[in-house]
Amino acid sequence: MMTNPDQIILWQYGLIKINATLAFTWGVMALLALVSYAVTRRMVVDPPMSKGQNLLEVIVFHVNLQIREISRQRPLRYLPLIGTLFLFILISNLLAIVPGYIPPTSSLSTTTALALCVFVAVPVYGIRQIGLWRYLKQYCRPTLFMLPFNIIGELSRTLALAVRLYGNIMSGVVIGAIFLSFVPFFFPILMQVLGLLTGTIQAYIFSVLTMVYIASAVPSSDDKDSKHPETGDTHE
């Protein structure tokens, strides 16, 4: 049994290849887009609300809450990135219960792409909110001699994001495949449940770390008068 979706070639024409990583990634994106459209096309303000809208509002509520607690800033500006990362990783991992499916997050290429998105997002948010010069000055704190170390730290945490997610998901897939070959009934079910739990936790950790990295680049003092995401009250 192959556990690396990069090695499974589904279609090839000359040098152009579509492997399982690409196919499953597109599948997850299509699923998220279709479900989002189905849930939001008939959204209402007053009850009764559909189960899909209730679930979506619960997810948005808790993502906003986590962003607020970590950054002490308006969640709305970060919600599209953090929410998308969380949902993509979560659904990618939870679909592991589908026979024949291998999570694209068990491919280092996918986790590296996600980590690179975070690597680009951090300076983008930082520069937009505090300006280019002020953002670049942070790399020289507390002294100019710290510049190379801060740059190395920026690169190493990007690598850590990619390897952490890849290692946890890939190890779950491999261990599940090994036990399935020796004990084909009850024990693999327990491993599958454990894998789903691990996948959910990894989606949460990746999203939280992304927000931590962004918050570290953007001071929260410029947002003292922002409103609380749940109540709309001014944040004290």
Protein backbone atom coordinates (compact mmCIF):
# COMPACT_ATOMS: atom_id res chain seq x y z
CA MET A 1 0.00 0.00 0.00
CA MET A 2 1.38 3.40 -1.03
CA THR A 3 1.22 5.99 1.74
CA ASN A 4 2.78 8.89 -0.18
CA PRO A 5 0.26 10.46 -2.59
CA ASP A 6 3.12 12.03 -4.58
CA GLN A 7 4.05 8.57 -5.86
CA ILE A 8 0.58 7.71 -7.16
CA ILE A 9 0.32 8.95 -10.76
CA LEU A 10 -3.30 9.20 -11.88
CA TRP A 11 -2.74 10.76 -15.30
CA GLN A 12 0.28 11.58 -17.42
CA TYR A 13 0.81 13.20 -20.78
CA GLY A 14 4.48 13.64 -21.65
CA LEU A 15 6.10 15.60 -18.84
CA ILE A 16 2.76 16.68 -17.40
CA LYS A 17 1.68 14.53 -14.47
CA ILE A 18 -1.27 14.60 -12.13
CA ASN A 19 -0.59 12.64 -8.98
CA ALA A 20 -2.86 11.82 -6.07
CA THR A 21 -1.63 14.84 -4.12
CA LEU A 22 -2.91 17.24 -6.76
CA ALA A 23 -6.12 15.31 -7.34
CA PHE A 24 -7.03 15.04 -3.66
CA THR A 25 -6.07 18.68 -3.06
CA TRP A 26 -8.35 19.82 -5.88
CA GLY A 27 -11.03 17.52 -4.55
CA VAL A 28 -10.86 19.06 -1.07
CA MET A 29 -10.94 22.58 -2.52
CA ALA A 30 -13.92 21.71 -4.71
CA LEU A 31 -15.74 20.16 -1.76
CA LEU A 32 -15.14 23.24 0.41
CA ALA A 33 -16.28 25.56 -2.39
CA LEU A 34 -19.45 23.58 -3.08
CA VAL A 35 -20.40 23.23 0.57
CA SER A 36 -19.70 26.93 1.20
CA TYR A 37 -21.89 27.90 -1.74
CA ALA A 38 -24.69 25.57 -0.67
CA VAL A 39 -24.63 26.90 2.90
CA THR A 40 -24.30 30.62 2.14
CA ARG A 41 -26.63 31.01 -0.85
CA ARG A 42 -29.68 31.02 1.44
CA MET A 43 -28.34 32.56 4.60
CA VAL A 44 -30.84 34.28 6.88
CA VAL A 45 -30.46 36.70 9.78
CA ASP A 46 -33.39 35.58 11.87
CA PRO A 47 -34.29 32.03 13.00
CA PRO A 48 -35.00 29.42 11.86
CA MET A 49 -31.56 28.82 10.38
CA SER A 50 -30.36 25.76 8.53
CA LYS A 51 -28.06 23.29 10.22
CA GLY A 52 -25.34 24.19 7.76
CA GLN A 53 -25.55 27.89 8.59
CA ASN A 54 -25.53 27.13 12.31
CA LEU A 55 -22.42 24.99 11.92
CA LEU A 56 -20.72 27.65 9.79
CA GLU A 57 -21.50 30.36 12.33
CA VAL A 58 -20.11 28.20 15.14
CA ILE A 59 -16.87 27.70 13.21
CA VAL A 60 -16.55 31.40 12.41
CA PHE A 61 -17.35 32.31 16.02
CA HIS A 62 -14.61 30.12 17.46
CA VAL A 63 -12.04 31.06 14.81
CA ASN A 64 -12.71 34.74 15.51
CA LEU A 65 -12.44 34.08 19.22
CA GLN A 66 -9.05 32.39 18.86
CA ILE A 67 -7.76 35.19 16.64
CA ARG A 68 -8.92 37.79 19.16
CA GLU A 69 -7.32 35.99 22.11
CA ILE A 70 -3.99 35.55 20.32
CA SER A 71 -3.60 38.90 18.56
CA ARG A 72 -5.82 41.29 20.55
CA GLN A 73 -6.83 42.76 17.20
CA ARG A 74 -9.82 42.78 14.89
CA PRO A 75 -10.38 39.18 13.77
CA LEU A 76 -12.04 40.12 10.46
CA ARG A 77 -8.79 41.01 8.69
CA TYR A 78 -7.26 37.62 9.50
CA LEU A 79 -10.34 35.40 9.26
CA PRO A 80 -10.06 34.56 5.52
CA LEU A 81 -6.49 33.24 5.86
CA ILE A 82 -6.77 31.52 9.24
CA GLY A 83 -10.22 30.10 8.54
CA THR A 84 -9.21 28.77 5.13
CA LEU A 85 -6.06 27.11 6.44
CA PHE A 86 -7.97 25.51 9.31
CA LEU A 87 -10.81 24.18 7.16
CA PHE A 88 -8.56 22.94 4.37
CA ILE A 89 -6.26 21.03 6.73
CA LEU A 90 -9.16 19.76 8.83
CA ILE A 91 -11.19 18.42 5.89
CA SER A 92 -8.07 17.01 4.24
CA ASN A 93 -7.35 15.01 7.37
CA LEU A 94 -10.92 13.97 8.22
CA LEU A 95 -11.52 12.54 4.75
CA ALA A 96 -8.94 9.88 5.60
CA ILE A 97 -11.89 7.65 6.58
CA VAL A 98 -12.85 7.42 2.88
CA PRO A 99 -11.42 4.21 1.33
CA GLY A 100 -8.71 4.88 -1.22
CA TYR A 101 -8.19 8.44 -0.07
CA ILE A 102 -4.77 9.62 1.14
CA PRO A 103 -4.63 13.03 2.85
CA PRO A 104 -2.70 15.55 0.71
CA THR A 105 -1.28 16.83 4.00
CA SER A 106 0.70 13.56 4.17
CA SER A 107 2.75 14.97 1.27
CA LEU A 108 5.66 17.26 2.12
CA SER A 109 4.95 19.30 -1.02
CA THR A 110 1.49 20.22 0.28
CA THR A 111 2.61 21.12 3.78
CA THR A 112 5.51 23.13 2.36
CA ALA A 113 3.10 25.06 0.13
CA LEU A 114 0.92 25.82 3.15
CA ALA A 115 3.94 26.92 5.17
CA LEU A 116 5.10 29.17 2.32
CA CYS A 117 1.66 30.81 2.30
CA VAL A 118 2.20 31.65 5.96
CA PHE A 119 5.76 32.80 5.25
CA VAL A 120 4.42 35.31 2.70
CA ALA A 121 1.36 36.31 4.74
CA VAL A 122 3.35 37.41 7.81
CA PRO A 123 5.25 40.27 6.11
CA VAL A 124 2.21 41.18 3.99
CA TYR A 125 0.05 41.73 7.06
CA GLY A 126 2.91 43.39 8.91
CA ILE A 127 3.77 45.85 6.15
CA ARG A 128 0.13 46.70 5.50
CA GLN A 129 -0.48 47.56 9.14
CA ILE A 130 2.73 49.18 10.37
CA GLY A 131 4.58 50.11 7.16
CA LEU A 132 7.64 48.72 5.40
CA TRP A 133 10.33 50.52 7.38
CA ARG A 134 8.84 49.82 10.79
CA TYR A 135 8.36 46.17 9.89
CA LEU A 136 11.94 45.74 8.65
CA LYS A 137 13.28 47.40 11.81
CA GLN A 138 11.90 44.48 13.82
CA TYR A 139 14.57 42.23 12.32
CA CYS A 140 17.26 44.41 13.91
CA ARG A 141 15.94 44.16 17.45
CA PRO A 142 17.41 44.40 19.97
CA THR A 143 20.58 45.20 17.97
CA LEU A 144 21.69 45.10 14.33
CA PHE A 145 23.80 42.02 15.10
CA MET A 146 20.57 40.04 15.55
CA LEU A 147 19.56 40.56 11.90
CA PRO A 148 20.93 37.24 10.54
CA PHE A 149 19.58 35.30 13.52
CA ASN A 150 16.11 36.80 13.12
CA ILE A 151 16.13 35.94 9.41
CA ILE A 152 17.21 32.38 10.19
CA GLY A 153 14.46 32.15 12.79
CA GLU A 154 11.89 33.26 10.21
CA LEU A 155 13.03 30.56 7.79
CA SER A 156 13.31 27.84 10.43
CA ARG A 157 9.79 28.33 11.76
CA THR A 158 8.46 28.05 8.20
CA LEU A 159 10.33 24.75 7.84
CA ALA A 160 9.03 23.63 11.23
CA LEU A 161 5.43 24.32 10.18
CA ALA A 162 5.78 22.19 7.07
CA VAL A 163 7.65 19.30 8.70
CA ARG A 164 5.44 19.18 11.82
CA LEU A 165 2.21 18.84 9.85
CA TYR A 166 3.73 16.42 7.35
CA GLY A 167 5.34 14.25 10.02
CA ASN A 168 2.22 13.87 12.12
CA ILE A 169 -0.15 13.10 9.25
CA MET A 170 2.28 10.88 7.35
CA SER A 171 3.15 8.87 10.46
CA GLY A 172 -0.54 8.24 11.11
CA VAL A 173 -1.07 7.00 7.55
CA VAL A 174 1.98 4.72 7.71
CA ILE A 175 1.15 3.26 11.12
CA GLY A 176 -2.44 2.65 10.07
CA ALA A 177 -1.29 0.84 6.92
CA ILE A 178 1.15 -1.33 8.90
CA PHE A 179 -1.43 -2.43 11.45
CA LEU A 180 -4.00 -3.00 8.71
CA SER A 181 -1.68 -5.57 7.12
CA PHE A 182 -1.19 -7.47 10.43
CA VAL A 183 -4.48 -7.00 12.26
CA PRO A 184 -7.14 -6.32 9.60
CA PHE A 185 -10.17 -5.75 11.82
CA PHE A 186 -10.61 -4.09 15.21
CA PHE A 187 -7.26 -2.41 15.89
CA PRO A 188 -7.08 -0.44 12.61
CA ILE A 189 -10.44 1.14 13.52
CA LEU A 190 -8.94 2.46 16.75
CA MET A 191 -5.94 3.76 14.80
CA GLN A 192 -8.30 5.46 12.36
CA VAL A 193 -10.13 7.20 15.20
CA LEU A 194 -6.82 8.27 16.70
CA GLY A 195 -5.72 9.52 13.28
CA LEU A 196 -8.85 11.65 12.93
CA LEU A 197 -8.24 13.15 16.36
CA THR A 198 -4.61 13.86 15.48
CA GLY A 199 -5.65 15.42 12.17
CA THR A 200 -8.08 17.75 13.93
CA ILE A 201 -5.47 18.79 16.48
CA GLN A 202 -2.90 19.41 13.74
CA ALA A 203 -5.32 21.67 11.86
CA TYR A 204 -5.86 23.65 15.05
CA ILE A 205 -2.15 23.88 15.87
CA PHE A 206 -1.20 24.98 12.35
CA SER A 207 -3.83 27.73 12.39
CA VAL A 208 -2.90 28.92 15.87
CA LEU A 209 0.82 29.03 15.05
CA THR A 210 0.04 31.01 11.89
CA MET A 211 -1.83 33.57 13.95
CA VAL A 212 0.96 33.69 16.52
CA TYR A 213 3.51 34.43 13.80
CA ILE A 214 1.33 37.18 12.31
CA ALA A 215 0.61 38.68 15.72
CA SER A 216 4.32 38.76 16.53
CA ALA A 217 4.88 40.93 13.45
CA VAL A 218 2.02 43.35 14.15
CA PRO A 219 1.73 45.19 17.48
CA SER A 220 -1.72 45.14 19.00
CA SER A 221 -1.51 48.66 20.43
CA ASP A 222 -2.91 50.16 17.20
CA ASP A 223 -6.20 48.37 17.73
CA LYS A 224 -7.30 49.36 21.20
CA ASP A 225 -10.69 50.51 20.03
CA SER A 226 -11.56 47.41 18.02
CA LYS A 227 -14.85 45.67 18.67
CA HIS A 228 -15.28 42.30 20.21
CA PRO A 229 -16.18 39.74 17.51
CA GLU A 230 -19.04 38.19 19.37
CA THR A 231 -20.77 41.13 21.05
CA GLY A 232 -19.68 44.13 18.98
CA ASP A 233 -18.68 45.87 22.20
CA THR A 234 -15.56 47.95 22.35
CA HIS A 235 -12.59 45.93 23.50
CA GLU A 236 -11.16 47.33 26.69
